């Protein structure tokens, strides 16, 4: 083996690190460097994108989680003092218009209603008894009247018969007197006819008196008066007065019962419209006073959203803006529209009338610009109202993303100032 000697002062060149070692090791090193470089490039791009999103969110969007689904919420108060009955609908259950939600039972009132029902029943029975007595007496009066009319007819027939006999006998006496003057008859014939005429006249006069008396008694009986101690006619007026008095007593008893029933009806809470029970504050059988809150209900009205912003954030939105909302409980995304902005809305204390944001509400320290004291009302789209009422219950938390407005704030203020000065 031959050896090569280098001249004095010269060295071998340094070996190339890329060509150091076998070929597989060089490929691994290159791949490793490419992977590390790609990782740092992707990581840097992600950081840049995240920073861009943060800047975009800070500059172009306002995202808050201090929002809640609202509705027409109101308390159900006890109309009277007493014991609460079971509610006809439980929590999160719906009810229809006219439904009796609960009653306040008063033992004293229930006892008074029971006693008054007994009094009405007693008065009704007394009236029925008096009417039966009056009907019986009227039947007896009618029988007497019928008999009296029959007697009058008999008396009239007797008078008619006697009158006919009187006329015939008068004519017979006249004929016999004429025949006696001419000697054609005997005296005893005339005397016999005159005796019969006298007897007929004596019977006719009492009959006419009896007829007049009978007709007078009939007229008095029909007018409700009595005569000559007729018992049935004398008691009829008294019984008629008893029936009238019994009717008055029954009417007074029924009116008193109606007053008690109206008090009982006023002790019931009736739904004026459809809705849903949110919370039950008093269990069945609890004792309450008039005005105590028994339950909290939601009227069947449109759903909306209350969003609470800081004073700086509320100046960056406008009425009519379309916002993105996220119902966290249902994991649903949708949109809504700004319908109202109240800069001092969070200062209002609407106790038990709607769900409210109470952050720092009871803090004795003075509220700052970082506190959410402005209230923004958002309305669901018309197409989403039915779904919102079925899915989003009142009190559901919501995350809202507003578009931050930068344009036209200071220039608009300047334009208004210039217009005011021009006037």
Protein backbone atom coordinates (compact mmCIF):
# COMPACT_ATOMS: atom_id res chain seq x y z
CA UNK A 1 0.00 0.00 0.00
CA UNK A 2 1.48 3.32 -1.01
CA UNK A 3 1.30 6.49 1.08
CA UNK A 4 1.09 10.07 -0.08
CA UNK A 5 3.06 12.75 1.70
CA UNK A 6 1.56 16.28 1.79
CA UNK A 7 3.85 19.23 1.28
CA UNK A 8 4.91 21.12 4.32
CA UNK A 9 2.36 23.78 5.46
CA UNK A 10 -0.69 22.19 3.79
CA UNK A 11 -3.70 20.41 5.52
CA UNK A 12 -6.53 18.24 4.34
CA UNK A 13 -9.85 20.10 3.78
CA UNK A 14 -12.57 19.80 6.49
CA UNK A 15 -15.08 17.06 5.74
CA UNK A 16 -18.60 18.15 4.58
CA UNK A 17 -21.08 17.53 7.40
CA UNK A 18 -23.84 16.70 4.86
CA UNK A 19 -21.75 13.92 3.49
CA UNK A 20 -20.62 12.73 6.87
CA UNK A 21 -21.69 9.21 7.66
CA UNK A 22 -23.78 6.82 5.61
CA UNK A 23 -26.61 8.06 3.27
CA UNK A 24 -29.64 7.05 5.56
CA UNK A 25 -28.36 9.22 8.38
CA UNK A 26 -28.10 12.22 6.10
CA UNK A 27 -31.71 11.75 4.92
CA UNK A 28 -32.99 11.52 8.52
CA UNK A 29 -31.25 14.72 9.47
CA UNK A 30 -32.76 16.56 6.52
CA UNK A 31 -36.27 15.23 7.29
CA UNK A 32 -35.92 16.20 10.94
CA UNK A 33 -34.89 19.70 10.04
CA UNK A 34 -37.79 19.98 7.57
CA UNK A 35 -40.29 18.81 10.20
CA UNK A 36 -39.00 21.21 12.83
CA UNK A 37 -39.14 24.06 10.36
CA UNK A 38 -42.67 23.17 9.28
CA UNK A 39 -43.79 22.94 12.93
CA UNK A 40 -42.45 26.38 13.72
CA UNK A 41 -44.00 27.78 10.57
CA UNK A 42 -47.43 26.27 11.41
CA UNK A 43 -47.14 27.37 15.03
CA UNK A 44 -46.22 30.88 13.98
CA UNK A 45 -49.12 30.99 11.54
CA UNK A 46 -51.52 29.82 14.27
CA UNK A 47 -50.21 32.44 16.66
CA UNK A 48 -50.56 35.11 14.03
CA UNK A 49 -54.10 33.92 13.18
CA UNK A 50 -55.09 33.81 16.84
CA UNK A 51 -53.71 37.29 17.38
CA UNK A 52 -55.59 38.47 14.31
CA UNK A 53 -58.80 36.95 15.64
CA UNK A 54 -58.25 38.58 19.01
CA UNK A 55 -57.66 41.91 17.36
CA UNK A 56 -60.75 41.37 15.18
CA UNK A 57 -62.82 40.45 18.20
CA UNK A 58 -61.61 43.47 20.12
CA UNK A 59 -62.03 45.85 17.22
CA UNK A 60 -64.98 44.50 15.18
CA UNK A 61 -67.07 42.37 17.62
CA UNK A 62 -68.55 42.64 21.10
CA UNK A 63 -69.17 39.23 22.63
CA UNK A 64 -70.86 38.96 26.03
CA UNK A 65 -72.30 36.15 28.12
CA UNK A 66 -74.39 38.41 30.35
CA UNK A 67 -77.62 37.77 28.42
CA UNK A 68 -80.74 35.83 29.26
CA UNK A 69 -83.98 34.84 27.52
CA UNK A 70 -86.85 36.97 28.78
CA UNK A 71 -90.63 36.88 28.63
CA UNK A 72 -93.79 38.28 30.21
CA UNK A 73 -93.22 36.96 33.72
CA UNK A 74 -95.48 37.89 36.62
CA UNK A 75 -96.22 36.62 40.11
CA UNK A 76 -99.39 34.84 41.19
CA UNK A 77 -100.47 36.41 44.46
CA UNK A 78 -102.93 35.03 46.96
CA UNK A 79 -106.22 36.94 46.64
CA UNK A 80 -107.20 36.21 50.23
CA UNK A 81 -105.91 34.69 53.43
CA UNK A 82 -106.26 30.97 53.92
CA UNK A 83 -104.86 27.61 52.87
CA UNK A 84 -103.45 27.15 49.36
CA UNK A 85 -104.82 24.27 47.30
CA UNK A 86 -102.76 22.25 44.83
CA UNK A 87 -101.85 24.05 41.61
CA UNK A 88 -103.50 22.73 38.48
CA UNK A 89 -100.16 22.96 36.64
CA UNK A 90 -96.70 22.15 37.97
CA UNK A 91 -93.37 23.80 37.15
CA UNK A 92 -92.68 24.06 33.40
CA UNK A 93 -96.24 22.93 32.63
CA UNK A 94 -98.51 24.99 30.39
CA UNK A 95 -102.08 26.08 31.07
CA UNK A 96 -104.92 27.46 28.95
CA UNK A 97 -106.93 30.63 29.33
CA UNK A 98 -109.63 30.42 32.00
CA UNK A 99 -107.85 27.67 33.95
CA UNK A 100 -108.21 27.86 37.73
CA UNK A 101 -104.56 27.73 38.76
CA UNK A 102 -105.15 27.49 42.51
CA UNK A 103 -107.64 28.36 45.23
CA UNK A 104 -107.22 29.82 48.68
CA UNK A 105 -109.42 27.77 50.98
CA UNK A 106 -110.88 29.53 54.03
CA UNK A 107 -112.42 27.10 56.58
CA UNK A 108 -114.65 29.81 58.05
CA UNK A 109 -115.93 30.76 54.60
CA UNK A 110 -116.57 27.12 53.69
CA UNK A 111 -118.52 26.64 56.92
CA UNK A 112 -120.56 29.78 56.25
CA UNK A 113 -121.34 28.58 52.71
CA UNK A 114 -122.48 25.20 54.06
CA UNK A 115 -124.75 26.80 56.65
CA UNK A 116 -126.19 29.17 54.09
CA UNK A 117 -126.93 26.28 51.73
CA UNK A 118 -128.90 24.65 54.57
CA UNK A 119 -130.77 27.93 55.12
CA UNK A 120 -131.66 28.12 51.42
CA UNK A 121 -132.89 24.53 51.48
CA UNK A 122 -135.00 25.24 54.58
CA UNK A 123 -136.50 28.37 53.02
CA UNK A 124 -137.27 26.44 49.84
CA UNK A 125 -139.04 23.71 51.82
CA UNK A 126 -141.06 26.30 53.76
CA UNK A 127 -142.13 27.92 50.50
CA UNK A 128 -143.19 24.58 49.04
CA UNK A 129 -145.23 23.81 52.18
CA UNK A 130 -146.99 27.19 52.14
CA UNK A 131 -147.71 26.86 48.43
CA UNK A 132 -149.19 23.40 49.02
CA UNK A 133 -151.42 24.78 51.77
CA UNK A 134 -152.49 27.65 49.55
CA UNK A 135 -153.24 25.29 46.68
CA UNK A 136 -155.36 23.12 48.99
CA UNK A 137 -157.28 26.12 50.28
CA UNK A 138 -157.82 27.38 46.74
CA UNK A 139 -159.14 23.94 45.80
CA UNK A 140 -161.56 24.09 48.72
CA UNK A 141 -162.54 27.61 47.65
CA UNK A 142 -163.11 26.43 44.10
CA UNK A 143 -165.29 23.57 45.34
CA UNK A 144 -167.32 25.98 47.44
CA UNK A 145 -167.63 28.37 44.49
CA UNK A 146 -168.82 25.53 42.26
CA UNK A 147 -171.44 24.48 44.84
CA UNK A 148 -172.51 28.08 45.30
CA UNK A 149 -172.97 28.55 41.59
CA UNK A 150 -175.04 25.37 41.48
CA UNK A 151 -177.24 26.70 44.28
CA UNK A 152 -177.62 29.98 42.41
CA UNK A 153 -178.74 28.12 39.32
CA UNK A 154 -181.30 26.20 41.39
CA UNK A 155 -182.56 29.41 42.95
CA UNK A 156 -182.85 31.05 39.56
CA UNK A 157 -184.77 28.07 38.24
CA UNK A 158 -187.13 28.25 41.23
CA UNK A 159 -187.66 31.97 40.73
CA UNK A 160 -188.36 31.43 37.05
CA UNK A 161 -190.87 28.73 37.87
CA UNK A 162 -192.61 30.82 40.52
CA UNK A 163 -192.73 33.80 38.21
CA UNK A 164 -194.37 31.70 35.53
CA UNK A 165 -196.91 30.40 38.03
CA UNK A 166 -197.60 33.94 39.22
CA UNK A 167 -198.28 35.11 35.69
CA UNK A 168 -200.61 32.19 34.99
CA UNK A 169 -202.47 32.59 38.29
CA UNK A 170 -202.85 36.33 37.80
CA UNK A 171 -204.35 35.74 34.38
CA UNK A 172 -206.60 32.97 35.84
CA UNK A 173 -207.88 35.28 38.60
CA UNK A 174 -208.72 37.94 36.05
CA UNK A 175 -210.65 35.44 33.92
CA UNK A 176 -212.56 34.05 36.91
CA UNK A 177 -213.47 37.56 38.09
CA UNK A 178 -214.96 38.35 34.67
CA UNK A 179 -216.87 35.08 34.60
CA UNK A 180 -218.20 35.67 38.14
CA UNK A 181 -219.65 39.05 37.14
CA UNK A 182 -221.43 37.39 34.29
CA UNK A 183 -222.60 34.57 36.55
CA UNK A 184 -220.73 31.91 34.68
CA UNK A 185 -218.69 30.55 37.64
CA UNK A 186 -218.84 30.13 41.38
CA UNK A 187 -217.14 32.20 44.04
CA UNK A 188 -215.02 29.41 45.51
CA UNK A 189 -213.21 28.97 42.21
CA UNK A 190 -212.09 32.58 42.26
CA UNK A 191 -211.14 32.37 45.89
CA UNK A 192 -209.05 29.23 45.29
CA UNK A 193 -207.16 30.88 42.44
CA UNK A 194 -206.50 33.96 44.54
CA UNK A 195 -205.12 31.79 47.39
CA UNK A 196 -202.76 30.04 45.01
CA UNK A 197 -201.58 33.38 43.61
CA UNK A 198 -200.92 34.68 47.11
CA UNK A 199 -198.92 31.56 47.99
CA UNK A 200 -196.90 31.88 44.82
CA UNK A 201 -196.08 35.51 45.59
CA UNK A 202 -195.05 34.58 49.12
CA UNK A 203 -192.62 31.94 47.79
CA UNK A 204 -191.19 34.21 45.09
CA UNK A 205 -190.08 36.99 47.40
CA UNK A 206 -187.79 34.82 49.63
CA UNK A 207 -186.33 33.11 46.57
CA UNK A 208 -185.32 36.45 45.09
CA UNK A 209 -183.74 37.45 48.43
CA UNK A 210 -181.86 34.17 48.62
CA UNK A 211 -180.56 34.63 45.05
CA UNK A 212 -179.27 38.08 45.83
CA UNK A 213 -177.53 36.80 48.94
CA UNK A 214 -175.94 33.88 47.08
CA UNK A 215 -174.64 36.14 44.31
CA UNK A 216 -173.15 38.52 46.89
CA UNK A 217 -171.35 35.66 48.68
CA UNK A 218 -170.00 34.39 45.34
CA UNK A 219 -168.63 37.81 44.41
CA UNK A 220 -166.94 38.13 47.80
CA UNK A 221 -165.47 34.64 47.50
CA UNK A 222 -164.04 35.33 44.07
CA UNK A 223 -162.49 38.59 45.31
CA UNK A 224 -160.79 36.79 48.23
CA UNK A 225 -163.02 38.21 50.92
CA UNK A 226 -165.15 36.33 53.37
CA UNK A 227 -168.68 36.69 54.61
CA UNK A 228 -170.76 35.17 57.33
CA UNK A 229 -167.83 33.21 58.78
CA UNK A 230 -166.91 31.23 55.66
CA UNK A 231 -163.66 29.70 57.00
CA UNK A 232 -162.07 28.76 53.71
CA UNK A 233 -162.41 32.26 52.33
CA UNK A 234 -161.04 33.89 55.49
CA UNK A 235 -157.88 31.72 55.60
CA UNK A 236 -157.09 32.13 51.89
CA UNK A 237 -155.82 35.70 52.20
CA UNK A 238 -153.64 34.74 55.18
CA UNK A 239 -152.11 31.83 53.31
CA UNK A 240 -151.45 33.99 50.26
CA UNK A 241 -149.51 36.38 52.49
CA UNK A 242 -147.56 33.45 53.96
CA UNK A 243 -146.50 32.34 50.48
CA UNK A 244 -145.34 35.87 49.59
CA UNK A 245 -143.34 36.06 52.83
CA UNK A 246 -141.76 32.64 52.16
CA UNK A 247 -140.71 33.78 48.68
CA UNK A 248 -139.00 36.84 50.15
CA UNK A 249 -137.16 34.71 52.70
CA UNK A 250 -135.97 32.36 49.97
CA UNK A 251 -134.77 35.25 47.81
CA UNK A 252 -132.82 36.75 50.75
CA UNK A 253 -131.23 33.38 51.57
CA UNK A 254 -130.20 32.84 47.95
CA UNK A 255 -128.71 36.34 47.73
CA UNK A 256 -126.67 35.72 50.87
CA UNK A 257 -125.44 32.44 49.38
CA UNK A 258 -124.48 34.21 46.14
CA UNK A 259 -122.46 36.74 48.13
CA UNK A 260 -120.54 33.95 49.85
CA UNK A 261 -120.01 32.13 46.54
CA UNK A 262 -118.67 35.32 44.98
CA UNK A 263 -116.21 35.59 47.85
CA UNK A 264 -115.20 32.00 47.22
CA UNK A 265 -114.77 32.69 43.48
CA UNK A 266 -112.62 35.73 44.26
CA UNK A 267 -110.35 33.46 46.29
CA UNK A 268 -109.47 31.51 43.11
CA UNK A 269 -106.66 32.53 40.75
CA UNK A 270 -107.93 32.22 37.17
CA UNK A 271 -105.57 32.46 34.20
CA UNK A 272 -106.44 35.40 31.97
CA UNK A 273 -104.57 33.82 29.05
CA UNK A 274 -102.38 30.86 28.14
CA UNK A 275 -98.99 30.55 29.79
CA UNK A 276 -96.59 28.35 31.72
CA UNK A 277 -95.72 27.90 35.40
CA UNK A 278 -92.10 28.79 36.12
CA UNK A 279 -91.77 28.36 39.87
CA UNK A 280 -93.99 27.25 42.75
CA UNK A 281 -93.20 29.13 45.95
CA UNK A 282 -95.93 27.77 48.24
CA UNK A 283 -96.71 24.08 48.62
CA UNK A 284 -100.31 22.82 48.76
CA UNK A 285 -101.74 23.28 52.24
CA UNK A 286 -99.54 26.25 53.12
CA UNK A 287 -101.09 29.12 55.00
CA UNK A 288 -100.87 32.45 53.15
CA UNK A 289 -101.97 36.00 53.67
CA UNK A 290 -103.60 38.17 51.04
CA UNK A 291 -100.93 39.41 48.64
CA UNK A 292 -98.38 36.63 49.26
CA UNK A 293 -96.69 35.29 46.11
CA UNK A 294 -97.72 31.67 45.50
CA UNK A 295 -96.08 31.02 42.12
CA UNK A 296 -94.38 32.74 39.21
CA UNK A 297 -95.86 32.27 35.76
CA UNK A 298 -95.02 33.29 32.23
CA UNK A 299 -97.67 34.68 29.97
CA UNK A 300 -97.96 33.26 26.47
CA UNK A 301 -96.14 36.12 24.79
CA UNK A 302 -93.22 36.60 22.41
CA UNK A 303 -89.74 35.56 23.46
CA UNK A 304 -86.97 38.13 23.61
CA UNK A 305 -83.47 38.43 25.00
CA UNK A 306 -82.04 40.86 27.54
CA UNK A 307 -78.32 41.56 27.06
CA UNK A 308 -76.40 43.67 29.59
CA UNK A 309 -73.47 45.75 28.37
CA UNK A 310 -71.09 48.32 29.77
CA UNK A 311 -71.57 51.99 29.04
CA UNK A 312 -68.69 51.90 26.55
CA UNK A 313 -70.03 48.84 24.72
CA UNK A 314 -73.60 50.13 24.42
CA UNK A 315 -72.33 53.12 22.44
CA UNK A 316 -71.00 50.79 19.72
CA UNK A 317 -74.33 49.22 18.72
CA UNK A 318 -77.51 50.53 17.11
CA UNK A 319 -81.18 49.62 16.96
CA UNK A 320 -81.85 47.26 14.08
CA UNK A 321 -78.44 45.52 14.18
CA UNK A 322 -78.53 41.79 13.48
CA UNK A 323 -76.55 39.84 16.08
CA UNK A 324 -75.42 36.25 16.47
CA UNK A 325 -76.71 34.42 19.55
CA UNK A 326 -75.85 31.08 21.07
CA UNK A 327 -78.24 29.28 23.42
CA UNK A 328 -75.77 27.54 25.69
CA UNK A 329 -78.25 25.19 27.31
CA UNK A 330 -79.55 23.88 23.98
CA UNK A 331 -76.29 24.32 22.00
CA UNK A 332 -78.16 26.18 19.26
CA UNK A 333 -76.96 29.07 17.12
CA UNK A 334 -79.36 31.59 15.65
CA UNK A 335 -79.78 35.30 15.06
CA UNK A 336 -81.73 38.15 16.59
CA UNK A 337 -82.27 41.84 16.01
CA UNK A 338 -81.69 44.77 18.38
CA UNK A 339 -85.07 46.33 19.16
CA UNK A 340 -84.29 48.55 22.13
CA UNK A 341 -81.38 50.09 24.00
CA UNK A 342 -81.66 51.36 27.58
CA UNK A 343 -78.52 52.96 28.88
CA UNK A 344 -79.75 52.87 32.49
CA UNK A 345 -81.95 49.77 32.13
CA UNK A 346 -80.00 47.67 34.64
CA UNK A 347 -80.75 50.17 37.40
CA UNK A 348 -84.46 49.28 37.29
CA UNK A 349 -85.59 46.91 40.02
CA UNK A 350 -88.30 44.76 38.45
CA UNK A 351 -88.92 42.36 41.31
CA UNK A 352 -90.50 39.08 40.20
CA UNK A 353 -91.62 40.51 36.86
CA UNK A 354 -88.86 39.26 34.59
CA UNK A 355 -85.43 37.64 34.71
CA UNK A 356 -82.81 40.32 35.21
CA UNK A 357 -79.03 40.65 35.33
CA UNK A 358 -78.16 41.49 38.92
CA UNK A 359 -74.39 41.83 38.69
CA UNK A 360 -73.31 44.39 41.30
CA UNK A 361 -76.98 45.26 41.86
CA UNK A 362 -76.66 45.12 45.63
CA UNK A 363 -73.04 46.28 45.79
CA UNK A 364 -72.83 49.33 48.06
CA UNK A 365 -69.90 50.65 46.03
CA UNK A 366 -70.50 53.06 43.17
CA UNK A 367 -70.96 51.40 39.78
CA UNK A 368 -68.22 52.11 37.24
CA UNK A 369 -68.04 52.04 33.46
CA UNK A 370 -66.89 48.44 33.61
CA UNK A 371 -70.18 47.35 35.22
CA UNK A 372 -72.95 46.14 32.93
CA UNK A 373 -75.55 48.80 33.60
CA UNK A 374 -76.98 49.15 30.08
CA UNK A 375 -79.73 46.83 28.89
CA UNK A 376 -80.27 45.88 25.24
CA UNK A 377 -83.45 44.11 24.10
CA UNK A 378 -83.13 41.59 21.28
CA UNK A 379 -86.05 40.11 19.34
CA UNK A 380 -85.95 36.72 17.68
CA UNK A 381 -86.78 36.62 14.02
CA UNK A 382 -90.46 36.04 13.26
CA UNK A 383 -89.67 32.67 11.74
CA UNK A 384 -87.92 31.60 14.96
CA UNK A 385 -90.59 32.76 17.44
CA UNK A 386 -92.47 29.46 17.62
CA UNK A 387 -89.26 27.47 17.97
CA UNK A 388 -87.98 29.91 20.60
CA UNK A 389 -91.15 29.55 22.69
CA UNK A 390 -90.89 25.76 22.48
CA UNK A 391 -87.15 25.47 23.16
CA UNK A 392 -85.86 28.54 24.98
CA UNK A 393 -87.42 28.81 28.42
CA UNK A 394 -87.42 32.07 30.27
CA UNK A 395 -84.12 32.39 32.09
CA UNK A 396 -82.07 30.42 29.55
CA UNK A 397 -78.50 31.80 29.39
CA UNK A 398 -77.39 33.26 26.07
CA UNK A 399 -74.07 34.32 24.55
CA UNK A 400 -74.46 37.30 22.19
CA UNK A 401 -72.01 38.59 19.59
CA UNK A 402 -72.56 42.18 18.41
CA UNK A 403 -70.95 43.97 15.50
CA UNK A 404 -68.88 46.82 16.94
CA UNK A 405 -69.66 50.09 15.19
CA UNK A 406 -66.82 52.59 14.71
CA UNK A 407 -68.06 54.58 11.76
CA UNK A 408 -69.97 57.80 12.06
CA UNK A 409 -69.62 58.42 15.80
CA UNK A 410 -67.45 61.54 16.03
CA UNK A 411 -68.21 62.77 12.47
CA UNK A 412 -71.91 62.34 13.13
CA UNK A 413 -71.66 64.30 16.36
CA UNK A 414 -69.81 67.04 14.51
CA UNK A 415 -72.43 67.05 11.78
CA UNK A 416 -75.21 67.44 14.33
CA UNK A 417 -73.33 70.24 16.02
CA UNK A 418 -72.80 72.01 12.71
CA UNK A 419 -76.46 71.64 11.79
CA UNK A 420 -77.50 73.03 15.19
CA UNK A 421 -75.18 75.98 14.82
CA UNK A 422 -76.44 76.60 11.27
CA UNK A 423 -79.98 76.96 12.58
